[in-house]
């Protein structure tokens, strides 16, 4: 699995969208940022594979798009406080 972050320089954030939908502004520059590949063994439980992928994607976001990562972290903490971890 190759974790990839698509990061437009200018974007429209559709909030509050459940999937954090973002639309690149017309004619904007878009960067593709790749993390090192992660191996997901076939015998790994699906929830563990999803967790590894989610963590890799969040790490990319925290490094290259900290404002969006902060939004994700804030939403996660609200979910945890309401018992939806």
C-alpha atoms as a PDB file:
ATOM      1  CA  UNK A   1       0.000   0.000   0.000  1.00  0.00           C
ATOM      2  CA  UNK A   2       1.400   3.406  -0.943  1.00  0.00           C
ATOM      3  CA  UNK A   3      -0.111   6.143   1.274  1.00  0.00           C
ATOM      4  CA  UNK A   4      -0.696   9.238  -0.854  1.00  0.00           C
ATOM      5  CA  UNK A   5      -1.765  12.781   0.013  1.00  0.00           C
ATOM      6  CA  UNK A   6      -3.253  14.996  -2.708  1.00  0.00           C
ATOM      7  CA  UNK A   7      -2.702  18.591  -1.639  1.00  0.00           C
ATOM      8  CA  UNK A   8      -4.056  21.494  -3.717  1.00  0.00           C
ATOM      9  CA  UNK A   9      -2.505  24.911  -3.067  1.00  0.00           C
ATOM     10  CA  UNK A  10      -5.960  26.529  -3.139  1.00  0.00           C
ATOM     11  CA  UNK A  11      -9.099  24.551  -2.363  1.00  0.00           C
ATOM     12  CA  UNK A  12     -12.695  24.737  -1.365  1.00  0.00           C
ATOM     13  CA  UNK A  13     -13.526  22.750   1.765  1.00  0.00           C
ATOM     14  CA  UNK A  14     -17.026  21.354   1.752  1.00  0.00           C
ATOM     15  CA  UNK A  15     -17.895  21.471   5.417  1.00  0.00           C
ATOM     16  CA  UNK A  16     -19.367  19.867   7.284  1.00  0.00           C
ATOM     17  CA  UNK A  17     -18.950  16.985   4.867  1.00  0.00           C
ATOM     18  CA  UNK A  18     -18.733  13.512   6.389  1.00  0.00           C
ATOM     19  CA  UNK A  19     -15.879  12.591   4.028  1.00  0.00           C
ATOM     20  CA  UNK A  20     -13.902  15.866   4.352  1.00  0.00           C
ATOM     21  CA  UNK A  21     -14.470  16.569   0.644  1.00  0.00           C
ATOM     22  CA  UNK A  22     -12.153  19.169  -0.865  1.00  0.00           C
ATOM     23  CA  UNK A  23     -12.349  20.635  -4.354  1.00  0.00           C
ATOM     24  CA  UNK A  24      -9.195  22.102  -5.916  1.00  0.00           C
ATOM     25  CA  UNK A  25      -9.718  25.680  -7.082  1.00  0.00           C
ATOM     26  CA  UNK A  26      -9.525  26.080 -10.862  1.00  0.00           C
ATOM     27  CA  UNK A  27      -5.971  26.276 -12.236  1.00  0.00           C
ATOM     28  CA  UNK A  28      -4.357  25.641  -8.855  1.00  0.00           C
ATOM     29  CA  UNK A  29      -1.187  23.661  -8.312  1.00  0.00           C
ATOM     30  CA  UNK A  30      -1.719  20.209  -6.826  1.00  0.00           C
ATOM     31  CA  UNK A  31       1.046  18.257  -5.087  1.00  0.00           C
ATOM     32  CA  UNK A  32       1.088  14.493  -4.692  1.00  0.00           C
ATOM     33  CA  UNK A  33       2.990  13.456  -1.581  1.00  0.00           C
ATOM     34  CA  UNK A  34       3.885   9.818  -0.994  1.00  0.00           C
ATOM     35  CA  UNK A  35       4.813   8.075   2.236  1.00  0.00           C
ATOM     36  CA  UNK A  36       6.979   4.972   2.262  1.00  0.00           C
ATOM     37  CA  UNK A  37       5.034   1.854   1.244  1.00  0.00           C
ATOM     38  CA  UNK A  38       3.439  -0.135   4.029  1.00  0.00           C
ATOM     39  CA  UNK A  39       2.923  -3.851   3.857  1.00  0.00           C
ATOM     40  CA  UNK A  40      -0.424  -5.253   4.868  1.00  0.00           C
ATOM     41  CA  UNK A  41      -0.048  -9.033   5.248  1.00  0.00           C
ATOM     42  CA  UNK A  42      -2.978 -11.101   3.985  1.00  0.00           C
ATOM     43  CA  UNK A  43      -3.489 -12.741   7.373  1.00  0.00           C
ATOM     44  CA  UNK A  44      -3.742  -9.402   9.209  1.00  0.00           C
ATOM     45  CA  UNK A  45      -7.245  -8.674  10.538  1.00  0.00           C
ATOM     46  CA  UNK A  46      -9.016  -6.096   8.360  1.00  0.00           C
ATOM     47  CA  UNK A  47      -9.465  -3.614  11.223  1.00  0.00           C
ATOM     48  CA  UNK A  48      -5.708  -3.660  11.877  1.00  0.00           C
ATOM     49  CA  UNK A  49      -4.939  -3.056   8.196  1.00  0.00           C
ATOM     50  CA  UNK A  50      -7.357  -0.112   8.163  1.00  0.00           C
ATOM     51  CA  UNK A  51      -5.733   1.282  11.310  1.00  0.00           C
ATOM     52  CA  UNK A  52      -2.258   1.134   9.735  1.00  0.00           C
ATOM     53  CA  UNK A  53      -3.456   2.857   6.584  1.00  0.00           C
ATOM     54  CA  UNK A  54      -5.345   5.534   8.574  1.00  0.00           C
ATOM     55  CA  UNK A  55      -2.267   6.246  10.719  1.00  0.00           C
ATOM     56  CA  UNK A  56      -0.004   6.544   7.666  1.00  0.00           C
ATOM     57  CA  UNK A  57      -2.411   8.953   5.971  1.00  0.00           C
ATOM     58  CA  UNK A  58      -2.827  11.043   9.121  1.00  0.00           C
ATOM     59  CA  UNK A  59       0.954  11.245   9.546  1.00  0.00           C
ATOM     60  CA  UNK A  60       1.256  12.610   5.999  1.00  0.00           C
ATOM     61  CA  UNK A  61      -1.490  15.124   6.690  1.00  0.00           C
ATOM     62  CA  UNK A  62       0.038  16.273   9.986  1.00  0.00           C
ATOM     63  CA  UNK A  63       3.367  16.891   8.274  1.00  0.00           C
ATOM     64  CA  UNK A  64       2.183  18.516   5.036  1.00  0.00           C
ATOM     65  CA  UNK A  65      -1.287  19.912   5.822  1.00  0.00           C
ATOM     66  CA  UNK A  66      -1.333  20.713   9.553  1.00  0.00           C
ATOM     67  CA  UNK A  67      -4.490  22.866   9.431  1.00  0.00           C
ATOM     68  CA  UNK A  68      -6.539  20.020   7.926  1.00  0.00           C
ATOM     69  CA  UNK A  69      -4.944  17.516  10.320  1.00  0.00           C
ATOM     70  CA  UNK A  70      -5.997  19.721  13.250  1.00  0.00           C
ATOM     71  CA  UNK A  71      -9.589  19.607  11.974  1.00  0.00           C
ATOM     72  CA  UNK A  72      -9.419  15.801  11.826  1.00  0.00           C
ATOM     73  CA  UNK A  73      -7.902  15.561  15.299  1.00  0.00           C
ATOM     74  CA  UNK A  74     -10.578  17.885  16.720  1.00  0.00           C
ATOM     75  CA  UNK A  75     -13.377  15.847  15.124  1.00  0.00           C
ATOM     76  CA  UNK A  76     -11.854  12.615  16.458  1.00  0.00           C
ATOM     77  CA  UNK A  77     -11.664  13.980  19.990  1.00  0.00           C
ATOM     78  CA  UNK A  78     -15.329  15.034  19.818  1.00  0.00           C
ATOM     79  CA  UNK A  79     -16.272  11.532  18.615  1.00  0.00           C
ATOM     80  CA  UNK A  80     -14.308   9.956  21.455  1.00  0.00           C
ATOM     81  CA  UNK A  81     -15.960  12.223  24.016  1.00  0.00           C
ATOM     82  CA  UNK A  82     -19.354  11.075  22.708  1.00  0.00           C
ATOM     83  CA  UNK A  83     -18.323   7.418  22.841  1.00  0.00           C
ATOM     84  CA  UNK A  84     -17.892   6.914  19.079  1.00  0.00           C
ATOM     85  CA  UNK A  85     -14.221   5.897  18.891  1.00  0.00           C
END
